[in-house]
Protein backbone atom coordinates (compact mmCIF):
# COMPACT_ATOMS: atom_id res chain seq x y z
CA MET A 1 -29.58 22.39 -30.93
CA ALA A 2 -32.50 21.06 -32.97
CA ALA A 3 -36.19 21.20 -32.11
CA ARG A 4 -38.68 18.49 -33.06
CA ILE A 5 -42.28 18.90 -34.16
CA ARG A 6 -44.81 16.23 -34.96
CA GLY A 7 -45.51 15.92 -38.65
CA PRO A 8 -47.83 13.94 -40.95
CA ALA A 9 -48.77 10.45 -39.81
CA GLY A 10 -47.01 11.09 -36.50
CA LYS A 11 -43.72 12.17 -38.07
CA TRP A 12 -41.26 14.21 -36.05
CA VAL A 13 -39.17 16.60 -38.07
CA ILE A 14 -36.18 18.76 -37.30
CA VAL A 15 -37.01 22.45 -37.55
CA ALA A 16 -33.65 23.91 -36.59
CA ARG A 17 -30.17 22.76 -37.57
CA SER A 18 -30.13 19.03 -38.35
CA LYS A 19 -27.97 16.43 -39.98
CA TYR A 20 -29.78 17.26 -43.22
CA GLY A 21 -30.13 20.98 -42.65
CA VAL A 22 -27.97 24.08 -42.72
CA SER A 23 -28.29 27.50 -41.15
CA GLN A 24 -29.08 30.56 -43.22
CA GLU A 25 -25.53 31.81 -42.65
CA ASP A 26 -24.16 28.52 -44.00
CA ILE A 27 -26.35 28.80 -47.07
CA VAL A 28 -25.22 32.35 -47.83
CA TYR A 29 -21.62 31.19 -47.50
CA MET A 30 -22.22 28.22 -49.81
CA GLN A 31 -23.93 30.49 -52.33
CA ARG A 32 -20.87 32.73 -52.45
CA VAL A 33 -18.55 29.77 -52.82
CA SER A 34 -20.67 28.22 -55.59
CA VAL A 35 -20.76 31.49 -57.51
CA LEU A 36 -16.98 31.75 -57.23
CA LEU A 37 -16.58 28.19 -58.54
CA VAL A 38 -18.84 28.94 -61.49
CA LEU A 39 -16.78 32.03 -62.30
CA LEU A 40 -13.56 30.03 -62.10
CA ALA A 41 -15.05 27.39 -64.39
CA GLY A 42 -15.87 30.00 -66.99
CA GLY A 43 -19.62 29.51 -66.68
CA ALA A 44 -20.61 32.75 -65.04
CA SER A 45 -23.41 33.48 -67.46
CA PHE A 46 -26.60 31.64 -66.58
CA GLY A 47 -27.83 32.52 -70.08
CA VAL A 48 -25.34 30.11 -71.66
CA ALA A 49 -27.04 26.82 -72.52
CA GLN A 50 -25.85 24.00 -70.29
CA GLU A 51 -25.44 20.66 -72.06
CA ILE A 52 -27.26 17.49 -71.08
CA LYS A 53 -25.43 14.36 -72.21
CA VAL A 54 -27.16 10.98 -72.46
CA SER A 55 -25.76 7.61 -73.53
CA TRP A 56 -28.96 5.87 -74.59
CA ASP A 57 -27.20 2.55 -75.15
CA GLN A 58 -25.55 2.51 -71.72
CA VAL A 59 -28.17 1.07 -69.33
CA GLU A 60 -27.31 1.59 -65.67
CA ARG A 61 -30.39 -0.04 -64.15
CA VAL A 62 -33.84 -1.30 -64.99
CA SER A 63 -36.16 0.79 -62.84
CA LYS A 64 -38.30 -0.88 -60.17
CA THR A 65 -39.72 2.37 -58.82
CA THR A 66 -43.41 3.25 -58.67
CA PRO A 67 -44.30 6.91 -57.96
CA THR A 68 -47.33 7.18 -55.68
CA LEU A 69 -48.74 8.93 -52.60
CA GLN A 70 -50.17 8.43 -49.15
CA VAL A 71 -53.62 9.28 -47.85
CA VAL A 72 -53.74 10.22 -44.17
CA VAL A 73 -57.12 10.15 -42.44
CA ASN A 74 -58.33 13.54 -41.24
CA PRO A 75 -61.69 15.33 -40.94
CA PRO A 76 -61.77 17.01 -44.40
CA LEU A 77 -61.92 13.51 -45.93
CA ARG A 78 -65.13 12.69 -44.08
CA ARG A 79 -68.33 12.52 -46.08
CA GLY A 80 -70.14 15.84 -46.14
CA SER A 81 -67.00 17.97 -46.01
CA ALA A 82 -66.58 20.70 -48.61
CA ILE A 83 -63.62 18.96 -50.24
CA HIS A 84 -64.56 15.28 -49.83
CA ASP A 85 -65.68 14.75 -53.40
CA GLY A 86 -62.89 16.78 -54.95
CA ALA A 87 -60.15 15.10 -52.93
CA PHE A 88 -61.28 11.55 -53.67
CA SER A 89 -61.83 12.44 -57.33
CA SER A 90 -58.24 13.70 -57.46
CA LEU A 91 -57.07 10.41 -55.97
CA LYS A 92 -59.15 8.32 -58.38
CA ASN A 93 -58.06 10.30 -61.43
CA LEU A 94 -54.40 9.80 -60.56
CA GLY A 95 -54.76 6.01 -60.75
CA ALA A 96 -51.62 5.26 -58.75
CA ASP A 97 -50.49 1.89 -57.38
CA TYR A 98 -49.17 1.13 -53.89
CA VAL A 99 -51.24 3.96 -52.41
CA ARG A 100 -50.71 4.07 -48.65
CA TYR A 101 -53.72 4.61 -46.36
CA VAL A 102 -53.06 5.66 -42.76
CA PRO A 103 -55.68 6.31 -40.07
CA TRP A 104 -53.30 7.97 -37.59
CA LEU A 105 -52.99 8.95 -33.97
CA PRO A 106 -54.52 12.46 -33.60
CA TYR A 107 -58.02 11.13 -34.37
CA PRO A 108 -58.60 8.00 -32.26
CA LYS A 109 -62.29 7.76 -33.14
CA LEU A 110 -61.40 7.79 -36.86
CA GLY A 111 -58.64 5.20 -36.59
CA VAL A 112 -59.02 2.90 -33.58
CA ALA A 113 -61.77 0.29 -33.90
CA GLU A 114 -61.83 -0.80 -30.24
CA LEU A 115 -61.27 2.22 -28.03
CA GLU A 116 -62.09 0.52 -24.71
CA PRO A 117 -61.14 -2.91 -23.35
CA PRO A 118 -63.82 -5.62 -23.08
CA ALA A 119 -65.77 -5.20 -19.84
CA ASP A 120 -69.09 -6.18 -18.28
CA GLY A 121 -69.81 -8.76 -20.94
CA LYS A 122 -69.43 -6.45 -23.94
CA THR A 123 -66.80 -5.02 -26.27
CA SER A 124 -66.41 -1.57 -27.82
CA TRP A 125 -65.82 -2.56 -31.45
CA ASP A 126 -67.16 0.25 -33.64
CA PHE A 127 -66.40 0.93 -37.31
CA SER A 128 -69.20 3.43 -37.89
CA LEU A 129 -66.83 6.40 -38.18
CA ILE A 130 -63.93 4.47 -39.68
CA ASP A 131 -65.72 2.67 -42.51
CA PRO A 132 -66.97 5.62 -44.59
CA MET A 133 -63.50 7.01 -45.33
CA THR A 134 -62.02 3.54 -45.76
CA GLU A 135 -64.78 2.59 -48.20
CA ASP A 136 -64.26 5.82 -50.15
CA PHE A 137 -60.51 5.18 -50.28
CA MET A 138 -60.94 1.61 -51.50
CA ASN A 139 -63.44 2.75 -54.14
CA ALA A 140 -61.13 5.53 -55.35
CA THR A 141 -58.20 3.09 -55.69
CA GLU A 142 -60.19 0.18 -57.14
CA GLY A 143 -58.08 -1.76 -59.61
CA HIS A 144 -54.84 -0.57 -58.05
CA SER A 145 -52.65 -1.97 -55.29
CA VAL A 146 -52.85 -0.41 -51.83
CA ILE A 147 -50.90 -0.52 -48.58
CA LEU A 148 -53.12 -0.24 -45.50
CA ASN A 149 -51.71 0.86 -42.16
CA PHE A 150 -54.06 1.29 -39.22
CA SER A 151 -51.08 2.56 -37.31
CA THR A 152 -52.63 3.52 -33.96
CA ILE A 153 -52.73 0.77 -31.35
CA PRO A 154 -55.59 0.97 -28.81
CA ALA A 155 -54.07 2.75 -25.82
CA TRP A 156 -55.53 0.25 -23.37
CA LEU A 157 -53.24 -2.44 -24.78
CA PHE A 158 -50.34 -0.63 -23.09
CA LYS A 159 -49.44 -0.29 -19.43
CA THR A 160 -50.11 3.33 -18.42
CA PRO A 161 -50.45 5.00 -14.98
CA LYS A 162 -54.09 5.77 -15.77
CA PRO A 163 -56.42 5.21 -18.73
CA VAL A 164 -55.50 7.38 -21.71
CA ASP A 165 -58.14 9.99 -22.41
CA TYR A 166 -59.11 10.97 -25.94
CA SER A 167 -61.44 13.43 -27.60
CA LYS A 168 -64.99 12.14 -27.92
CA ASP A 169 -65.39 14.48 -30.89
CA PRO A 170 -64.38 12.53 -34.03
CA ASP A 171 -62.76 15.70 -35.39
CA GLY A 172 -61.08 16.52 -32.09
CA VAL A 173 -57.31 16.14 -31.85
CA THR A 174 -55.58 13.96 -29.24
CA TRP A 175 -51.84 14.39 -29.75
CA ASP A 176 -50.82 12.35 -26.70
CA TYR A 177 -52.79 9.19 -27.43
CA THR A 178 -49.76 6.95 -28.01
CA GLN A 179 -48.73 6.64 -24.36
CA GLY A 180 -46.94 3.68 -22.81
CA THR A 181 -43.98 1.60 -23.91
CA GLU A 182 -44.83 -1.85 -22.47
CA LEU A 183 -47.76 -3.97 -23.61
CA ARG A 184 -50.07 -5.22 -20.88
CA ASP A 185 -49.81 -8.64 -22.55
CA PRO A 186 -46.06 -9.15 -23.02
CA SER A 187 -46.63 -12.14 -25.30
CA GLY A 188 -48.11 -9.82 -27.93
CA LYS A 189 -51.02 -12.19 -28.59
CA GLU A 190 -53.61 -9.61 -27.54
CA LEU A 191 -52.04 -7.12 -29.95
CA GLY A 192 -51.95 -9.65 -32.78
CA ASP A 193 -55.56 -10.65 -32.17
CA TYR A 194 -56.69 -7.00 -32.41
CA TYR A 195 -55.10 -6.61 -35.82
CA GLY A 196 -56.35 -10.01 -36.95
CA ARG A 197 -59.93 -8.96 -36.22
CA LEU A 198 -59.40 -5.54 -37.81
CA VAL A 199 -58.11 -7.07 -41.03
CA SER A 200 -60.84 -9.72 -41.04
CA TRP A 201 -63.45 -6.95 -40.91
CA TYR A 202 -62.20 -5.65 -44.24
CA VAL A 203 -61.19 -8.81 -46.10
CA ASN A 204 -63.42 -11.60 -44.71
CA GLY A 205 -66.74 -9.88 -44.11
CA GLY A 206 -66.39 -9.73 -40.34
CA PHE A 207 -64.95 -11.42 -37.25
CA THR A 208 -65.72 -13.00 -33.91
CA ASP A 209 -64.78 -10.80 -30.95
CA GLU A 210 -63.10 -11.67 -27.64
CA LEU A 211 -66.41 -12.69 -26.09
CA GLY A 212 -67.52 -14.90 -28.97
CA LYS A 213 -69.90 -12.43 -30.61
CA LYS A 214 -69.90 -12.23 -34.39
CA HIS A 215 -69.62 -8.86 -36.13
CA GLU A 216 -70.60 -8.71 -39.82
CA SER A 217 -69.20 -6.07 -42.20
CA GLY A 218 -69.91 -7.35 -45.69
CA HIS A 219 -66.47 -6.15 -46.78
CA HIS A 220 -64.35 -8.41 -48.96
CA TYR A 221 -61.67 -6.03 -50.12
CA LYS A 222 -58.43 -7.18 -51.73
CA VAL A 223 -55.63 -5.78 -49.58
CA PRO A 224 -52.25 -6.97 -50.86
CA TYR A 225 -50.04 -5.18 -48.30
CA TRP A 226 -50.36 -4.31 -44.63
CA GLU A 227 -47.83 -1.96 -43.08
CA VAL A 228 -47.15 -2.73 -39.43
CA LEU A 229 -47.36 0.43 -37.30
CA ASN A 230 -45.88 3.84 -38.07
CA GLU A 231 -42.85 5.86 -36.99
CA VAL A 232 -42.17 3.67 -34.01
CA ASP A 233 -38.97 5.58 -33.33
CA PHE A 234 -41.36 8.12 -31.75
CA GLU A 235 -44.76 6.45 -31.30
CA HIS A 236 -44.44 4.40 -28.12
CA LYS A 237 -40.64 4.89 -28.42
CA MET A 238 -39.99 1.30 -29.45
CA THR A 239 -36.62 -0.36 -29.35
CA ALA A 240 -35.53 -2.58 -32.22
CA GLU A 241 -36.29 -5.63 -30.08
CA GLN A 242 -39.74 -4.38 -29.08
CA TYR A 243 -40.75 -3.49 -32.61
CA THR A 244 -39.57 -6.81 -34.01
CA GLU A 245 -41.55 -8.74 -31.38
CA ARG A 246 -44.67 -6.68 -32.08
CA TYR A 247 -44.24 -7.01 -35.83
CA ASP A 248 -44.09 -10.78 -35.47
CA ALA A 249 -47.17 -10.80 -33.24
CA ILE A 250 -49.19 -8.64 -35.64
CA VAL A 251 -48.13 -10.64 -38.69
CA THR A 252 -49.08 -13.86 -36.90
CA GLY A 253 -52.49 -12.45 -35.99
CA ILE A 254 -53.20 -11.21 -39.52
CA TRP A 255 -51.96 -14.35 -41.24
CA LYS A 256 -54.58 -16.40 -39.38
CA VAL A 257 -57.30 -14.54 -41.29
CA ALA A 258 -55.41 -13.41 -44.43
CA PRO A 259 -52.70 -15.94 -45.28
CA GLU A 260 -51.92 -14.26 -48.64
CA MET A 261 -51.16 -10.87 -47.05
CA LYS A 262 -47.73 -9.31 -47.53
CA PHE A 263 -46.21 -6.96 -44.99
CA VAL A 264 -44.26 -3.73 -44.74
CA GLY A 265 -42.13 -3.11 -41.66
CA LEU A 266 -40.42 -0.29 -39.73
CA ALA A 267 -41.90 2.95 -41.23
CA LEU A 268 -39.23 5.00 -39.47
CA ALA A 269 -39.55 8.77 -39.14
CA ILE A 270 -35.85 9.65 -39.09
CA PRO A 271 -34.08 6.59 -40.49
CA GLY A 272 -30.61 8.09 -40.30
CA ASP A 273 -30.82 8.24 -36.50
CA ARG A 274 -31.68 4.57 -35.98
CA PRO A 275 -29.37 2.26 -37.98
CA GLU A 276 -29.76 -0.41 -35.29
CA MET A 277 -33.43 -0.74 -36.24
CA PHE A 278 -32.44 -1.91 -39.70
CA GLU A 279 -29.59 -4.11 -38.44
CA TYR A 280 -31.86 -5.93 -35.99
CA PHE A 281 -35.14 -6.06 -37.91
CA LEU A 282 -33.62 -7.24 -41.19
CA ASP A 283 -31.73 -10.09 -39.51
CA HIS A 284 -34.04 -13.08 -39.99
CA LYS A 285 -32.70 -14.86 -36.94
CA ASN A 286 -34.35 -12.20 -34.75
CA HIS A 287 -37.81 -13.20 -35.99
CA LYS A 288 -39.99 -16.20 -35.33
CA PRO A 289 -39.61 -18.97 -37.93
CA GLY A 290 -41.52 -18.26 -41.13
CA ILE A 291 -42.20 -14.57 -40.48
CA PRO A 292 -41.82 -12.73 -43.82
CA LEU A 293 -39.84 -9.57 -44.41
CA ASP A 294 -41.55 -8.52 -47.63
CA MET A 295 -40.76 -4.80 -47.50
CA ILE A 296 -39.37 -2.10 -45.23
CA SER A 297 -40.31 1.57 -45.21
CA TYR A 298 -39.04 4.91 -43.97
CA HIS A 299 -39.67 8.62 -44.48
CA PHE A 300 -38.21 11.97 -45.49
CA TYR A 301 -39.41 15.56 -45.12
CA ALA A 302 -37.49 18.67 -46.08
CA SER A 303 -38.07 21.42 -43.56
CA PRO A 304 -36.60 24.93 -43.36
CA SER A 305 -35.78 26.81 -40.21
CA ALA A 306 -38.07 29.68 -39.22
CA ASP A 307 -35.67 32.38 -40.42
CA GLN A 308 -35.47 31.12 -43.98
CA THR A 309 -37.27 33.12 -46.65
CA PRO A 310 -38.80 31.40 -49.67
CA GLU A 311 -35.75 32.48 -51.69
CA ILE A 312 -33.44 30.58 -49.34
CA GLN A 313 -35.50 27.39 -49.09
CA GLN A 314 -34.50 26.18 -52.57
CA TYR A 315 -30.99 25.57 -51.23
CA THR A 316 -32.17 23.94 -48.01
CA PHE A 317 -34.61 21.47 -49.55
CA PHE A 318 -32.22 19.94 -52.05
CA THR A 319 -29.36 19.88 -49.55
CA GLN A 320 -31.55 18.00 -47.09
CA ALA A 321 -32.66 15.65 -49.87
CA ASP A 322 -29.02 14.86 -50.61
CA GLY A 323 -28.46 14.07 -46.94
CA PHE A 324 -31.43 11.74 -46.95
CA LEU A 325 -30.20 9.98 -50.08
CA THR A 326 -26.88 9.35 -48.34
CA ASN A 327 -28.86 7.59 -45.62
CA VAL A 328 -30.73 5.57 -48.25
CA ARG A 329 -27.42 4.27 -49.63
CA TYR A 330 -26.35 3.23 -46.14
CA ILE A 331 -29.68 1.53 -45.41
CA GLU A 332 -29.47 -0.26 -48.75
CA SER A 333 -26.08 -1.68 -47.78
CA ILE A 334 -27.65 -3.15 -44.63
CA ARG A 335 -30.67 -4.52 -46.48
CA LYS A 336 -28.61 -6.14 -49.23
CA ARG A 337 -26.34 -7.77 -46.66
CA LEU A 338 -29.05 -9.13 -44.34
CA SER A 339 -32.22 -9.55 -46.43
CA PRO A 340 -31.64 -8.90 -50.14
CA ASP A 341 -35.10 -10.16 -51.15
CA THR A 342 -36.83 -7.52 -49.01
CA GLY A 343 -38.24 -4.58 -50.96
CA THR A 344 -38.31 -0.93 -49.91
CA THR A 345 -40.97 1.75 -49.99
CA VAL A 346 -40.09 5.29 -48.99
CA ASP A 347 -43.73 6.03 -48.34
CA GLU A 348 -43.63 9.55 -46.93
CA ILE A 349 -41.73 12.10 -49.02
CA GLY A 350 -42.59 15.73 -48.62
CA CYS A 351 -41.89 19.15 -47.16
CA ILE A 352 -43.09 20.78 -43.95
CA SER A 353 -43.00 24.56 -43.54
CA ALA A 354 -41.54 26.15 -40.42
CA ASP A 355 -44.91 27.81 -39.79
CA ASP A 356 -46.55 24.41 -39.27
CA SER A 357 -44.46 23.93 -36.11
CA GLY A 358 -46.56 26.56 -34.35
CA GLN A 359 -49.98 25.34 -35.45
CA GLY A 360 -50.82 23.97 -32.00
CA GLU A 361 -50.19 27.28 -30.26
CA PRO A 362 -53.17 29.37 -29.09
CA HIS A 363 -54.31 31.96 -31.61
CA HIS A 364 -51.94 30.67 -34.28
CA VAL A 365 -52.92 31.87 -37.74
CA THR A 366 -51.55 29.93 -40.68
CA LYS A 367 -49.36 32.10 -42.87
CA ASP A 368 -50.07 32.30 -46.56
CA ILE A 369 -48.09 29.75 -48.56
CA PRO A 370 -46.64 31.21 -51.76
CA ASN A 371 -47.50 29.39 -54.97
CA SER A 372 -43.80 28.86 -55.63
CA TYR A 373 -43.63 26.63 -52.53
CA TRP A 374 -45.81 23.94 -54.12
CA ASN A 375 -43.52 23.86 -57.15
CA LEU A 376 -40.38 23.77 -55.02
CA CYS A 377 -41.75 20.95 -52.90
CA GLY A 378 -42.93 19.07 -55.98
CA ALA A 379 -39.52 19.49 -57.59
CA THR A 380 -37.93 18.13 -54.41
CA TYR A 381 -40.14 15.04 -54.60
CA ALA A 382 -39.28 14.55 -58.28
CA TYR A 383 -35.58 14.84 -57.42
CA VAL A 384 -35.90 12.24 -54.67
CA PHE A 385 -37.95 9.98 -56.98
CA GLY A 386 -35.29 10.07 -59.69
CA ASN A 387 -32.52 9.26 -57.26
CA LEU A 388 -34.53 6.47 -55.61
CA ALA A 389 -35.13 4.97 -59.05
CA SER A 390 -31.40 5.05 -59.68
CA LEU A 391 -30.83 3.31 -56.34
CA GLY A 392 -33.34 0.54 -57.04
CA ILE A 393 -35.99 1.49 -54.47
CA ASP A 394 -39.39 -0.08 -55.18
CA VAL A 395 -41.86 2.66 -54.20
CA ALA A 396 -41.57 6.45 -53.80
CA GLY A 397 -44.66 7.76 -52.00
CA GLU A 398 -45.41 11.48 -51.84
CA SER A 399 -47.06 12.80 -48.68
CA GLN A 400 -50.01 13.51 -48.44
CA LEU A 401 -53.38 13.86 -50.16
CA VAL A 402 -54.93 16.40 -47.74
CA GLY A 403 -53.40 18.82 -45.27
CA TYR A 404 -55.14 21.97 -44.07
CA PRO A 405 -54.73 24.84 -41.56
CA THR A 406 -54.11 23.39 -38.07
CA GLN A 407 -53.16 20.03 -39.67
CA PHE A 408 -49.97 20.59 -41.69
CA PRO A 409 -51.29 22.60 -44.63
CA SER A 410 -47.82 22.71 -46.20
CA VAL A 411 -47.92 18.95 -46.80
CA SER A 412 -51.12 18.92 -48.84
CA LEU A 413 -51.28 17.67 -52.44
CA VAL A 414 -54.65 19.33 -53.01
CA ASP A 415 -56.18 22.72 -52.34
CA TRP A 416 -57.87 22.35 -48.94
CA ASN A 417 -60.64 24.72 -50.10
CA ASN A 418 -61.89 22.56 -52.98
CA GLY A 419 -59.91 19.30 -53.07
CA LEU A 420 -58.42 20.03 -56.50
CA PRO A 421 -54.75 19.25 -57.23
CA ASN A 422 -51.96 21.70 -56.55
CA ALA A 423 -48.61 21.67 -58.38
CA ARG A 424 -47.27 18.88 -56.15
CA LEU A 425 -49.97 16.44 -57.23
CA ARG A 426 -49.58 17.50 -60.86
CA ILE A 427 -45.85 16.73 -60.70
CA LEU A 428 -46.66 13.30 -59.28
CA GLU A 429 -49.13 12.84 -62.15
CA LEU A 430 -46.42 13.82 -64.63
CA LEU A 431 -44.00 11.26 -63.20
CA LYS A 432 -46.62 8.52 -62.89
CA ASN A 433 -47.78 8.95 -66.49
CA ASN A 434 -44.25 8.79 -67.92
CA PHE A 435 -42.12 6.49 -65.76
CA GLY A 436 -42.50 3.18 -63.99
CA PRO A 437 -41.05 -0.26 -63.32
CA GLY A 438 -39.40 -1.82 -66.36
CA ASP A 439 -38.03 1.42 -67.80
CA LYS A 440 -34.30 1.42 -68.50
CA ILE A 441 -32.30 4.12 -66.74
CA VAL A 442 -29.40 5.22 -68.92
CA LYS A 443 -26.18 7.10 -68.23
CA THR A 444 -26.96 10.80 -67.98
CA THR A 445 -24.81 13.84 -67.21
CA SER A 446 -26.14 17.31 -66.48
CA GLY A 447 -24.01 20.24 -67.51
CA SER A 448 -25.50 22.36 -64.75
CA PRO A 449 -25.28 21.74 -60.99
CA TYR A 450 -28.69 23.38 -60.72
CA VAL A 451 -30.46 20.97 -63.08
CA TYR A 452 -31.10 17.32 -62.33
CA ALA A 453 -31.32 15.14 -65.42
CA LEU A 454 -32.08 11.44 -65.84
CA GLY A 455 -32.62 9.57 -69.11
CA PHE A 456 -35.10 6.71 -69.47
CA ALA A 457 -35.59 4.29 -72.33
CA VAL A 458 -39.20 3.56 -71.39
CA LYS A 459 -41.05 0.33 -72.04
CA SER A 460 -42.81 1.74 -75.11
CA GLY A 461 -39.42 2.25 -76.74
CA ALA A 462 -39.43 6.05 -76.43
CA HIS A 463 -36.43 7.95 -75.10
CA LYS A 464 -37.47 10.35 -72.35
CA LEU A 465 -35.51 12.79 -70.24
CA LEU A 466 -36.55 13.87 -66.73
CA LEU A 467 -35.37 17.43 -66.07
CA ILE A 468 -35.70 19.29 -62.76
CA ASN A 469 -34.77 22.92 -62.20
CA LYS A 470 -33.53 23.19 -58.62
CA ARG A 471 -33.49 26.97 -58.73
CA ASP A 472 -36.13 29.69 -59.01
CA ARG A 473 -34.75 31.15 -62.24
CA ASP A 474 -34.71 30.27 -65.91
CA ILE A 475 -31.98 27.90 -67.09
CA ASN A 476 -31.22 27.22 -70.75
CA LEU A 477 -30.30 23.67 -71.71
CA LYS A 478 -28.78 22.04 -74.75
CA LEU A 479 -30.42 18.65 -75.24
CA PRO A 480 -28.73 15.45 -76.47
CA GLY A 481 -30.32 15.67 -79.91
CA GLN A 482 -33.58 16.83 -81.43
CA ALA A 483 -36.59 16.69 -79.13
CA LYS A 484 -40.19 16.02 -80.09
CA GLN A 485 -42.09 17.51 -77.16
CA VAL A 486 -41.94 18.52 -73.53
CA GLU A 487 -44.53 17.90 -70.79
CA LEU A 488 -44.07 20.21 -67.82
CA VAL A 489 -45.33 21.59 -64.54
CA ASP A 490 -44.10 25.06 -63.60
CA GLN A 491 -45.25 28.12 -61.67
CA GLU A 492 -47.56 29.13 -64.50
CA THR A 493 -49.37 25.80 -64.80
CA LYS A 494 -49.81 25.69 -60.99
CA GLY A 495 -52.52 23.12 -60.21
CA ASN A 496 -53.62 22.68 -63.80
CA PRO A 497 -52.77 19.50 -65.72
CA PRO A 498 -49.20 19.21 -67.02
CA LYS A 499 -48.68 21.34 -70.12
CA THR A 500 -47.50 19.77 -73.38
CA GLU A 501 -45.47 21.79 -75.88
CA SER A 502 -43.94 20.78 -79.21
CA LEU A 503 -40.20 21.35 -79.43
CA GLY A 504 -38.66 20.26 -82.72
CA SER A 505 -35.27 21.53 -81.61
CA GLY A 506 -32.27 20.55 -79.54
CA SER A 507 -32.73 23.05 -76.72
CA VAL A 508 -35.17 23.93 -73.96
CA THR A 509 -35.50 26.55 -71.25
CA LEU A 510 -36.55 25.41 -67.80
CA ARG A 511 -38.48 27.94 -65.75
CA GLY A 512 -37.98 28.27 -62.00
CA TYR A 513 -38.64 24.96 -60.18
CA GLU A 514 -39.94 23.44 -63.39
CA VAL A 515 -40.24 19.67 -63.66
CA ALA A 516 -40.23 18.53 -67.28
CA VAL A 517 -40.29 15.31 -69.27
CA VAL A 518 -38.75 15.71 -72.71
CA THR A 519 -39.51 13.10 -75.38
CA MET A 520 -36.67 12.82 -77.86
CA ASN A 521 -37.05 12.17 -81.59
C-alpha cells in the first residue's frame, strides 16, 4: 500500500510503493540484473569511455521548452526575514520567463484576500499581508512573463458544516483550510466575481466590492497568464465536471476586468491517476462558448521511501521520472486529439525527501540533507527538462524557490539560511542560459545507460550537448568530435555559479550527478 503526504503548493506525493516507485529490494534486484547485462555486453569496465553519437544534420524537433521555476508563498519570503533579500535577488538574477507564483493553502492570511463573507454592511477585503510579497515577486521578475495562481479559494464560498477556522497568525499553518466540495453558489458567479476583483486589484488599480465600495491599489501590473486553482485532484476533491464548471466561472469573472488574460488549467498533482480530467477538460464541448483553453498544467515529484539510503535514491529518482514521462506521452495523445492548440506547462518538477513526510509530527527534527541530494535532484530536473523538450512541452518549471525546515526543506532551490542558490538552482541557471525555444533538437545516442545526452543546434548556430550523469560515480565519455568547452554543475561547484572549463579534445569525464553543457568546435 502507498501513503500520501502533502507536498509543495498542496501536492500529495506517494512515499511508499507507487506506480512510479520501486521498493529497495526491487532496486537491488535491478542493480544485479543491470550489472549482469553490462558484463554480457562486454562493457564491464566503467573506465572505458562510452561514446556519444550525434547527427547534427538530423533535426528531430524545434524546441518550444522554457526552463523556469515556481515561487510558493511562505513566511521566509516576507519582508524582514533573514533570507528575503537573498531569495528575491536569486530570483531576479536568474531572469527566467513563465515564473509561477502561488500563494497556497497553509497560509490563508498570506493568500486569501477576503477571509470572511460580507456581513453587517462591510467586507473583509485585505491585501496588507499579501501585497508585499506579490510586489517583491513582480519587481524581481520585471521584464519577464509570469503565471499567477492565487490557488486558495475563500473557505466561506463552500458549503461546510461549520465555518472553517484558520490561524490568525500570518505565519501560522492551517493544513485543513480547503474544506468542502460544493460551492454555496452553484452557479459559480460568486466564485468568478471573487477572482475578478482579485485580478482587478493587481492589473486595474483596484475594484468595487460586493457592497459598492471602491478599493484602490495603484497596481497596474502586466500579468499575461492566470492559472486556475491548484491540484484540484486533492484540494476540494473536484471531479472533472466540477473543475470545468469552476474554471469557466473564474475565467468569465477575470475576463470582465482583464480581457487580454490567458489561462492555465488543471494543475493536477498526480496526473497519471486522473486521465478523465484531461479527457473531459480538453473537450471544448464541455465548456461554455468562447472559453479558452490556452494551456494545461500538471506536476511531478520524485520521492524515495523511508528505507532508502542516499546511495539507493539515484535509482529511484530516475525510474520515477521515466514513469512520469510515460504519463506525459499519454496525456499528450489526449491533448493532441481534443485540443491541439492548447499548450502545456509542467510547472512543478522536483523531489521530496522521505523525512519531509514527518515534518508535522510533534518534536520532529529535520534530518541533515547531504550535499549530493541537491545535485541528484537537480540532475533529475535536467533529465525531465530534456525529455519534455523532446516531447514538445512548452514550459518545464522547477519547484520551488524556498523551502525550509517544517515546510518541505528538500524542495528548496536556495539555502534557507541565507537565500543563496543551491546546486538545483545553479542547474536551472545552466539550462536557462544555454537552451530555449527555437533551438533545434538533433538525433542523439548515448553509449551509456547511465548518461543522458541530447544535442541542440542552438539559435546562435552553436552545437551544444546536454549531458547528465545519472549515477554518483565518474563516467568517461567519448564525444562526437572535438569540443571547445564545458559548463558544468557538480558536487564540487555546489551552489556556486556553473563552472566553465576549456576542453580542446574529444572526450570528457562526468563526475557523480554532474550536469554539463558541452560546446562543440
